[in-house]
Amino acid sequence: MQPEEGLARLRALGFGEADAQELWVHFDAAERRSKQGHGHARIPWLEGLEGYDPAAEPELLEDEEGFQRWRGGGAIGYLVLSRVIRAQLERPPGHARLVVCERTFPTGMLGHHVLRLAGGGLVALLTATSPRRLGHPSGGAKLAGTNPLAIGIPSSGGNPVVVDVSMGAVTWGDVVAGLAQEEELVPFGGEQAHKAFALALGLQLLVDSLVREEGHGAVLLVARPEADPVPALRDLAAGVRLPGDG
């Protein structure tokens, strides 16, 4: 999909110019990183998605030095997290801050968000919940979302490390993009899939225990780094591609 078409379709959904541009940057970045499930295919998906208001603005409900609580207020999750990330960059924590985001869905490629923080010199850890699509490897009810976990670590060398892992063998985005079948959506790991299931369940409960409103949410930990471990790791890796490298 070309930028002109993508932006036109986002504008047609009611997004203002700045928000349409923000969404396109997110989707195009995912496409360029070969994450098609979070890429251009999400635009036609949004055209069929209900329950969000393209004109809504997220609300900062609580604001302390070490804690913030945001509510989506009908805004789509991509843009809720975009506002949250911008706020952290504009006013970083003195040491660390826990940020709870309520009514925040869908959140897209979490690596996109932590990359922005790491690029601004901040350590970040982000997770988000989604509809329950993972069950125990032995069967039974769906108990957790695919619940990705993303970590961004800044570097004085200017090339941060960004880890972004979904707990599913495939993602729902892969299903949306036609790259996988829904029945393939199981915890990753094969014979060790119980480990991914445990992580998915733990992340589900972490977010659910911190949000006060029903619905999907996200939890972000952002901190100022006290050390600079990435350059030494890159030297040790001797050219091996690290997570997040283009």
C-alpha atoms as a PDB file:
ATOM      1  CA  MET A   1       0.000   0.000   0.000  1.00  0.00           C
ATOM      2  CA  GLN A   2       1.331   3.418  -0.949  1.00  0.00           C
ATOM      3  CA  PRO A   3       1.344   6.293   1.569  1.00  0.00           C
ATOM      4  CA  GLU A   4      -1.232   8.282  -0.387  1.00  0.00           C
ATOM      5  CA  GLU A   5      -3.746   5.433  -0.277  1.00  0.00           C
ATOM      6  CA  GLY A   6      -3.082   4.567   3.361  1.00  0.00           C
ATOM      7  CA  LEU A   7      -3.406   8.155   4.538  1.00  0.00           C
ATOM      8  CA  ALA A   8      -6.551   8.708   2.492  1.00  0.00           C
ATOM      9  CA  ARG A   9      -8.206   5.652   4.022  1.00  0.00           C
ATOM     10  CA  LEU A  10      -7.244   6.737   7.544  1.00  0.00           C
ATOM     11  CA  ARG A  11      -8.609  10.239   6.930  1.00  0.00           C
ATOM     12  CA  ALA A  12     -11.827   8.679   5.613  1.00  0.00           C
ATOM     13  CA  LEU A  13     -12.193   6.891   8.960  1.00  0.00           C
ATOM     14  CA  GLY A  14     -12.339  10.291  10.667  1.00  0.00           C
ATOM     15  CA  PHE A  15      -8.771  10.648  11.926  1.00  0.00           C
ATOM     16  CA  GLY A  16      -7.297  14.141  11.840  1.00  0.00           C
ATOM     17  CA  GLU A  17      -4.223  14.770   9.736  1.00  0.00           C
ATOM     18  CA  ALA A  18      -1.703  14.444  12.600  1.00  0.00           C
ATOM     19  CA  ASP A  19      -3.285  11.217  13.866  1.00  0.00           C
ATOM     20  CA  ALA A  20      -3.518   9.751  10.351  1.00  0.00           C
ATOM     21  CA  GLN A  21       0.181  10.470   9.876  1.00  0.00           C
ATOM     22  CA  GLU A  22       0.999   8.911  13.257  1.00  0.00           C
ATOM     23  CA  LEU A  23      -0.926   5.754  12.439  1.00  0.00           C
ATOM     24  CA  TRP A  24       0.609   5.475   8.977  1.00  0.00           C
ATOM     25  CA  VAL A  25       4.137   5.774  10.430  1.00  0.00           C
ATOM     26  CA  HIS A  26       3.325   2.925  12.847  1.00  0.00           C
ATOM     27  CA  PHE A  27       1.842   0.642  10.195  1.00  0.00           C
ATOM     28  CA  ASP A  28       4.542   1.373   7.640  1.00  0.00           C
ATOM     29  CA  ALA A  29       7.323   0.803  10.192  1.00  0.00           C
ATOM     30  CA  ALA A  30       5.823  -2.614  10.975  1.00  0.00           C
ATOM     31  CA  GLU A  31       5.573  -3.440   7.279  1.00  0.00           C
ATOM     32  CA  ARG A  32       9.205  -2.474   6.725  1.00  0.00           C
ATOM     33  CA  ARG A  33      10.260  -4.712   9.614  1.00  0.00           C
ATOM     34  CA  SER A  34       8.434  -7.638   7.979  1.00  0.00           C
ATOM     35  CA  LYS A  35       5.758  -7.581  10.684  1.00  0.00           C
ATOM     36  CA  GLN A  36       2.905  -7.557   8.187  1.00  0.00           C
ATOM     37  CA  GLY A  37       0.414  -8.530  10.866  1.00  0.00           C
ATOM     38  CA  HIS A  38       0.893  -5.064  12.372  1.00  0.00           C
ATOM     39  CA  GLY A  39       1.502  -3.357   9.041  1.00  0.00           C
ATOM     40  CA  HIS A  40      -0.627  -2.114   6.160  1.00  0.00           C
ATOM     41  CA  ALA A  41      -3.188  -4.909   6.657  1.00  0.00           C
ATOM     42  CA  ARG A  42      -4.323  -3.123   9.797  1.00  0.00           C
ATOM     43  CA  ILE A  43      -5.885  -0.303   7.794  1.00  0.00           C
ATOM     44  CA  PRO A  44      -8.642  -2.435   6.200  1.00  0.00           C
ATOM     45  CA  TRP A  45      -8.962  -4.127   9.598  1.00  0.00           C
ATOM     46  CA  LEU A  46      -9.610  -0.743  11.223  1.00  0.00           C
ATOM     47  CA  GLU A  47     -12.251  -0.051   8.590  1.00  0.00           C
ATOM     48  CA  GLY A  48     -14.259  -2.945  10.022  1.00  0.00           C
ATOM     49  CA  LEU A  49     -13.438  -2.343  13.687  1.00  0.00           C
ATOM     50  CA  GLU A  50     -16.060  -0.832  15.995  1.00  0.00           C
ATOM     51  CA  GLY A  51     -15.836   0.698  19.451  1.00  0.00           C
ATOM     52  CA  TYR A  52     -13.380   3.559  18.995  1.00  0.00           C
ATOM     53  CA  ASP A  53     -13.824   7.274  18.394  1.00  0.00           C
ATOM     54  CA  PRO A  54     -11.278   8.771  15.956  1.00  0.00           C
ATOM     55  CA  ALA A  55     -11.776  12.209  17.518  1.00  0.00           C
ATOM     56  CA  ALA A  56     -11.374  11.121  21.167  1.00  0.00           C
ATOM     57  CA  GLU A  57      -8.417  12.206  23.286  1.00  0.00           C
ATOM     58  CA  PRO A  58      -6.814  10.089  26.051  1.00  0.00           C
ATOM     59  CA  GLU A  59      -7.060  11.501  29.562  1.00  0.00           C
ATOM     60  CA  LEU A  60      -4.342  11.628  32.229  1.00  0.00           C
ATOM     61  CA  LEU A  61      -6.213  10.662  35.425  1.00  0.00           C
ATOM     62  CA  GLU A  62      -3.366  10.460  37.948  1.00  0.00           C
ATOM     63  CA  ASP A  63       0.019  12.109  37.714  1.00  0.00           C
ATOM     64  CA  GLU A  64       2.705  11.554  40.312  1.00  0.00           C
ATOM     65  CA  GLU A  65       6.481  11.463  39.949  1.00  0.00           C
ATOM     66  CA  GLY A  66       6.602   7.680  39.984  1.00  0.00           C
ATOM     67  CA  PHE A  67       3.129   6.829  38.701  1.00  0.00           C
ATOM     68  CA  GLN A  68       0.649   7.810  36.011  1.00  0.00           C
ATOM     69  CA  ARG A  69      -2.781   6.478  35.108  1.00  0.00           C
ATOM     70  CA  TRP A  70      -4.251   7.165  31.679  1.00  0.00           C
ATOM     71  CA  ARG A  71      -7.684   6.345  30.240  1.00  0.00           C
ATOM     72  CA  GLY A  72      -8.215   5.837  26.533  1.00  0.00           C
ATOM     73  CA  GLY A  73     -11.593   7.560  26.611  1.00  0.00           C
ATOM     74  CA  GLY A  74     -12.642   6.006  23.323  1.00  0.00           C
ATOM     75  CA  ALA A  75      -9.383   6.788  21.510  1.00  0.00           C
ATOM     76  CA  ILE A  76      -7.817   3.911  19.613  1.00  0.00           C
ATOM     77  CA  GLY A  77      -5.006   2.210  21.517  1.00  0.00           C
ATOM     78  CA  TYR A  78      -2.283   3.074  19.012  1.00  0.00           C
ATOM     79  CA  LEU A  79      -2.877   6.758  19.673  1.00  0.00           C
ATOM     80  CA  VAL A  80      -3.308   6.331  23.433  1.00  0.00           C
ATOM     81  CA  LEU A  81       0.178   4.849  23.663  1.00  0.00           C
ATOM     82  CA  SER A  82       1.507   7.477  21.283  1.00  0.00           C
ATOM     83  CA  ARG A  83       0.300  10.240  23.648  1.00  0.00           C
ATOM     84  CA  VAL A  84       1.670   8.354  26.649  1.00  0.00           C
ATOM     85  CA  ILE A  85       5.104   7.903  25.064  1.00  0.00           C
ATOM     86  CA  ARG A  86       5.226  11.559  24.069  1.00  0.00           C
ATOM     87  CA  ALA A  87       4.408  12.572  27.642  1.00  0.00           C
ATOM     88  CA  GLN A  88       7.271  10.465  29.024  1.00  0.00           C
ATOM     89  CA  LEU A  89       9.739  11.995  26.580  1.00  0.00           C
ATOM     90  CA  GLU A  90       8.563  15.520  27.358  1.00  0.00           C
ATOM     91  CA  ARG A  91       8.769  14.967  31.121  1.00  0.00           C
ATOM     92  CA  PRO A  92      10.963  11.931  31.927  1.00  0.00           C
ATOM     93  CA  PRO A  93      10.877  10.473  35.432  1.00  0.00           C
ATOM     94  CA  GLY A  94      13.529  11.453  37.946  1.00  0.00           C
ATOM     95  CA  HIS A  95      14.368   7.770  38.297  1.00  0.00           C
ATOM     96  CA  ALA A  96      11.475   5.531  37.217  1.00  0.00           C
ATOM     97  CA  ARG A  97       7.739   5.686  36.574  1.00  0.00           C
ATOM     98  CA  LEU A  98       5.005   3.068  36.284  1.00  0.00           C
ATOM     99  CA  VAL A  99       2.310   4.008  33.774  1.00  0.00           C
ATOM    100  CA  VAL A 100      -1.051   2.219  33.678  1.00  0.00           C
ATOM    101  CA  CYS A 101      -3.188   2.686  30.567  1.00  0.00           C
ATOM    102  CA  GLU A 102      -6.878   1.772  30.782  1.00  0.00           C
ATOM    103  CA  ARG A 103      -9.215   1.159  27.844  1.00  0.00           C
ATOM    104  CA  THR A 104      -6.225   0.959  25.511  1.00  0.00           C
ATOM    105  CA  PHE A 105      -6.701  -1.320  22.497  1.00  0.00           C
ATOM    106  CA  PRO A 106      -5.371  -2.173  19.972  1.00  0.00           C
ATOM    107  CA  THR A 107      -1.794  -1.198  20.764  1.00  0.00           C
ATOM    108  CA  GLY A 108      -0.021  -2.508  17.666  1.00  0.00           C
ATOM    109  CA  MET A 109       3.677  -3.299  17.439  1.00  0.00           C
ATOM    110  CA  LEU A 110       4.896  -2.602  20.998  1.00  0.00           C
ATOM    111  CA  GLY A 111       8.480  -2.418  19.790  1.00  0.00           C
ATOM    112  CA  HIS A 112       7.506   0.754  17.902  1.00  0.00           C
ATOM    113  CA  HIS A 113       6.625   2.455  21.193  1.00  0.00           C
ATOM    114  CA  VAL A 114       9.644   1.372  23.242  1.00  0.00           C
ATOM    115  CA  LEU A 115      11.958   2.268  20.340  1.00  0.00           C
ATOM    116  CA  ARG A 116      10.767   5.858  20.642  1.00  0.00           C
ATOM    117  CA  LEU A 117      11.582   5.848  24.364  1.00  0.00           C
ATOM    118  CA  ALA A 118      14.961   4.176  23.898  1.00  0.00           C
ATOM    119  CA  GLY A 119      15.763   6.658  21.152  1.00  0.00           C
ATOM    120  CA  GLY A 120      15.060   9.380  23.707  1.00  0.00           C
ATOM    121  CA  GLY A 121      17.514   7.854  26.157  1.00  0.00           C
ATOM    122  CA  LEU A 122      15.050   5.979  28.385  1.00  0.00           C
ATOM    123  CA  VAL A 123      14.813   2.323  29.401  1.00  0.00           C
ATOM    124  CA  ALA A 124      11.330   0.959  28.738  1.00  0.00           C
ATOM    125  CA  LEU A 125       9.318  -2.194  29.368  1.00  0.00           C
ATOM    126  CA  LEU A 126       5.810  -2.423  27.923  1.00  0.00           C
ATOM    127  CA  THR A 127       3.101  -5.054  27.829  1.00  0.00           C
ATOM    128  CA  ALA A 128      -0.537  -4.974  26.745  1.00  0.00           C
ATOM    129  CA  THR A 129      -3.520  -7.307  26.856  1.00  0.00           C
ATOM    130  CA  SER A 130      -5.785  -8.374  24.021  1.00  0.00           C
ATOM    131  CA  PRO A 131      -8.805 -10.660  23.604  1.00  0.00           C
ATOM    132  CA  ARG A 132      -8.259 -14.064  25.205  1.00  0.00           C
ATOM    133  CA  ARG A 133      -6.899 -16.260  22.440  1.00  0.00           C
ATOM    134  CA  LEU A 134      -4.380 -18.563  24.183  1.00  0.00           C
ATOM    135  CA  GLY A 135      -5.340 -21.634  26.140  1.00  0.00           C
ATOM    136  CA  HIS A 136      -3.213 -24.102  28.083  1.00  0.00           C
ATOM    137  CA  PRO A 137      -1.164 -26.343  25.748  1.00  0.00           C
ATOM    138  CA  SER A 138      -3.127 -29.329  27.025  1.00  0.00           C
ATOM    139  CA  GLY A 139      -6.432 -27.724  26.045  1.00  0.00           C
ATOM    140  CA  GLY A 140      -9.335 -26.005  27.731  1.00  0.00           C
ATOM    141  CA  ALA A 141     -10.703 -22.479  27.698  1.00  0.00           C
ATOM    142  CA  LYS A 142      -8.873 -19.491  26.242  1.00  0.00           C
ATOM    143  CA  LEU A 143      -7.350 -17.817  29.296  1.00  0.00           C
ATOM    144  CA  ALA A 144      -4.976 -15.112  28.070  1.00  0.00           C
ATOM    145  CA  GLY A 145      -4.293 -12.799  25.174  1.00  0.00           C
ATOM    146  CA  THR A 146      -1.170 -13.118  23.078  1.00  0.00           C
ATOM    147  CA  ASN A 147       0.097 -10.383  25.434  1.00  0.00           C
ATOM    148  CA  PRO A 148       3.342  -9.178  23.856  1.00  0.00           C
ATOM    149  CA  LEU A 149       6.271  -7.925  25.906  1.00  0.00           C
ATOM    150  CA  ALA A 150       8.603  -5.244  24.557  1.00  0.00           C
ATOM    151  CA  ILE A 151      11.824  -3.934  26.093  1.00  0.00           C
ATOM    152  CA  GLY A 152      13.860  -1.009  24.820  1.00  0.00           C
ATOM    153  CA  ILE A 153      17.407  -0.270  25.995  1.00  0.00           C
ATOM    154  CA  PRO A 154      19.123   2.964  24.856  1.00  0.00           C
ATOM    155  CA  SER A 155      22.738   3.125  23.776  1.00  0.00           C
ATOM    156  CA  SER A 156      25.357   5.841  23.649  1.00  0.00           C
ATOM    157  CA  GLY A 157      26.212   4.352  20.248  1.00  0.00           C
ATOM    158  CA  GLY A 158      22.825   5.511  18.985  1.00  0.00           C
ATOM    159  CA  ASN A 159      21.517   2.039  18.102  1.00  0.00           C
ATOM    160  CA  PRO A 160      19.258   0.779  20.906  1.00  0.00           C
ATOM    161  CA  VAL A 161      18.313  -2.840  21.489  1.00  0.00           C
ATOM    162  CA  VAL A 162      14.574  -3.472  21.167  1.00  0.00           C
ATOM    163  CA  VAL A 163      13.006  -6.809  22.125  1.00  0.00           C
ATOM    164  CA  ASP A 164       9.379  -7.397  21.112  1.00  0.00           C
ATOM    165  CA  VAL A 165       7.894 -10.870  21.592  1.00  0.00           C
ATOM    166  CA  SER A 166       4.326 -12.131  21.423  1.00  0.00           C
ATOM    167  CA  MET A 167       3.460 -15.190  23.491  1.00  0.00           C
ATOM    168  CA  GLY A 168       1.728 -16.861  20.542  1.00  0.00           C
ATOM    169  CA  ALA A 169       3.318 -19.148  17.960  1.00  0.00           C
ATOM    170  CA  VAL A 170       1.662 -16.721  15.519  1.00  0.00           C
ATOM    171  CA  THR A 171      -0.038 -13.411  16.238  1.00  0.00           C
ATOM    172  CA  TRP A 172      -3.628 -12.364  15.686  1.00  0.00           C
ATOM    173  CA  GLY A 173      -2.176  -9.855  13.251  1.00  0.00           C
ATOM    174  CA  ASP A 174      -0.844 -12.763  11.196  1.00  0.00           C
ATOM    175  CA  VAL A 175      -4.400 -14.086  11.029  1.00  0.00           C
ATOM    176  CA  VAL A 176      -5.713 -10.621  10.078  1.00  0.00           C
ATOM    177  CA  ALA A 177      -3.091 -10.355   7.327  1.00  0.00           C
ATOM    178  CA  GLY A 178      -3.926 -13.829   5.978  1.00  0.00           C
ATOM    179  CA  LEU A 179      -0.514 -15.201   6.942  1.00  0.00           C
ATOM    180  CA  ALA A 180      -1.785 -17.795   9.447  1.00  0.00           C
ATOM    181  CA  GLN A 181      -4.919 -19.674  10.451  1.00  0.00           C
ATOM    182  CA  GLU A 182      -6.666 -19.031  13.750  1.00  0.00           C
ATOM    183  CA  GLU A 183      -6.074 -22.628  14.888  1.00  0.00           C
ATOM    184  CA  GLU A 184      -2.326 -21.944  14.726  1.00  0.00           C
ATOM    185  CA  LEU A 185      -2.723 -19.363  17.486  1.00  0.00           C
ATOM    186  CA  VAL A 186      -1.279 -21.343  20.404  1.00  0.00           C
ATOM    187  CA  PRO A 187       1.504 -20.585  22.915  1.00  0.00           C
ATOM    188  CA  PHE A 188       4.900 -20.735  21.216  1.00  0.00           C
ATOM    189  CA  GLY A 189       7.553 -23.264  22.171  1.00  0.00           C
ATOM    190  CA  GLY A 190       6.333 -26.651  21.000  1.00  0.00           C
ATOM    191  CA  GLU A 191       7.031 -29.108  23.827  1.00  0.00           C
ATOM    192  CA  GLN A 192       7.992 -26.126  25.995  1.00  0.00           C
ATOM    193  CA  ALA A 193       4.802 -24.179  25.216  1.00  0.00           C
ATOM    194  CA  HIS A 194       3.816 -24.201  28.885  1.00  0.00           C
ATOM    195  CA  LYS A 195       6.502 -21.539  29.422  1.00  0.00           C
ATOM    196  CA  ALA A 196       4.962 -19.126  26.901  1.00  0.00           C
ATOM    197  CA  PHE A 197       1.531 -19.863  28.358  1.00  0.00           C
ATOM    198  CA  ALA A 198       2.813 -19.036  31.847  1.00  0.00           C
ATOM    199  CA  LEU A 199       4.274 -15.739  30.603  1.00  0.00           C
ATOM    200  CA  ALA A 200       1.033 -14.864  28.786  1.00  0.00           C
ATOM    201  CA  LEU A 201      -1.008 -15.604  31.892  1.00  0.00           C
ATOM    202  CA  GLY A 202       1.358 -13.680  34.161  1.00  0.00           C
ATOM    203  CA  LEU A 203       1.253 -10.619  31.904  1.00  0.00           C
ATOM    204  CA  GLN A 204      -2.537 -10.889  31.649  1.00  0.00           C
ATOM    205  CA  LEU A 205      -2.887 -10.849  35.427  1.00  0.00           C
ATOM    206  CA  LEU A 206      -0.300  -8.083  35.850  1.00  0.00           C
ATOM    207  CA  VAL A 207      -2.266  -5.726  33.617  1.00  0.00           C
ATOM    208  CA  ASP A 208      -5.675  -6.853  34.897  1.00  0.00           C
ATOM    209  CA  SER A 209      -4.612  -6.258  38.496  1.00  0.00           C
ATOM    210  CA  LEU A 210      -3.529  -2.662  37.782  1.00  0.00           C
ATOM    211  CA  VAL A 211      -6.335  -1.385  35.554  1.00  0.00           C
ATOM    212  CA  ARG A 212      -9.518  -0.279  37.311  1.00  0.00           C
ATOM    213  CA  GLU A 213     -11.824  -0.316  34.296  1.00  0.00           C
ATOM    214  CA  GLU A 214     -13.004  -3.361  32.420  1.00  0.00           C
ATOM    215  CA  GLY A 215     -11.373  -3.786  29.047  1.00  0.00           C
ATOM    216  CA  HIS A 216      -7.913  -4.238  27.598  1.00  0.00           C
ATOM    217  CA  GLY A 217      -5.024  -2.174  28.913  1.00  0.00           C
ATOM    218  CA  ALA A 218      -1.294  -1.660  28.892  1.00  0.00           C
ATOM    219  CA  VAL A 219       1.400  -1.235  31.527  1.00  0.00           C
ATOM    220  CA  LEU A 220       4.624   0.666  30.904  1.00  0.00           C
ATOM    221  CA  LEU A 221       7.719   0.928  33.082  1.00  0.00           C
ATOM    222  CA  VAL A 222      10.023   3.754  32.032  1.00  0.00           C
ATOM    223  CA  ALA A 223      13.302   4.660  33.727  1.00  0.00           C
ATOM    224  CA  ARG A 224      16.473   6.668  33.320  1.00  0.00           C
ATOM    225  CA  PRO A 225      19.426   4.344  32.662  1.00  0.00           C
ATOM    226  CA  GLU A 226      22.168   4.120  35.273  1.00  0.00           C
ATOM    227  CA  ALA A 227      24.602   2.349  32.923  1.00  0.00           C
ATOM    228  CA  ASP A 228      25.279   1.891  29.207  1.00  0.00           C
ATOM    229  CA  PRO A 229      25.512  -1.880  28.528  1.00  0.00           C
ATOM    230  CA  VAL A 230      24.627  -1.985  24.824  1.00  0.00           C
ATOM    231  CA  PRO A 231      27.976  -0.968  23.241  1.00  0.00           C
ATOM    232  CA  ALA A 232      29.849  -3.684  25.164  1.00  0.00           C
ATOM    233  CA  LEU A 233      27.187  -6.221  24.175  1.00  0.00           C
ATOM    234  CA  ARG A 234      27.562  -5.277  20.513  1.00  0.00           C
ATOM    235  CA  ASP A 235      31.326  -5.713  20.774  1.00  0.00           C
ATOM    236  CA  LEU A 236      30.801  -9.134  22.334  1.00  0.00           C
ATOM    237  CA  ALA A 237      28.230 -10.075  19.675  1.00  0.00           C
ATOM    238  CA  ALA A 238      30.825  -9.354  16.979  1.00  0.00           C
ATOM    239  CA  GLY A 239      28.341  -8.354  14.307  1.00  0.00           C
ATOM    240  CA  VAL A 240      25.560 -10.797  15.158  1.00  0.00           C
ATOM    241  CA  ARG A 241      22.172  -9.192  14.558  1.00  0.00           C
ATOM    242  CA  LEU A 242      20.589  -8.187  17.852  1.00  0.00           C
ATOM    243  CA  PRO A 243      16.857  -7.729  18.501  1.00  0.00           C
ATOM    244  CA  GLY A 244      15.522  -4.559  16.948  1.00  0.00           C
ATOM    245  CA  ASP A 245      18.326  -4.128  14.432  1.00  0.00           C
ATOM    246  CA  GLY A 246      17.106  -3.146  10.988  1.00  0.00           C
END
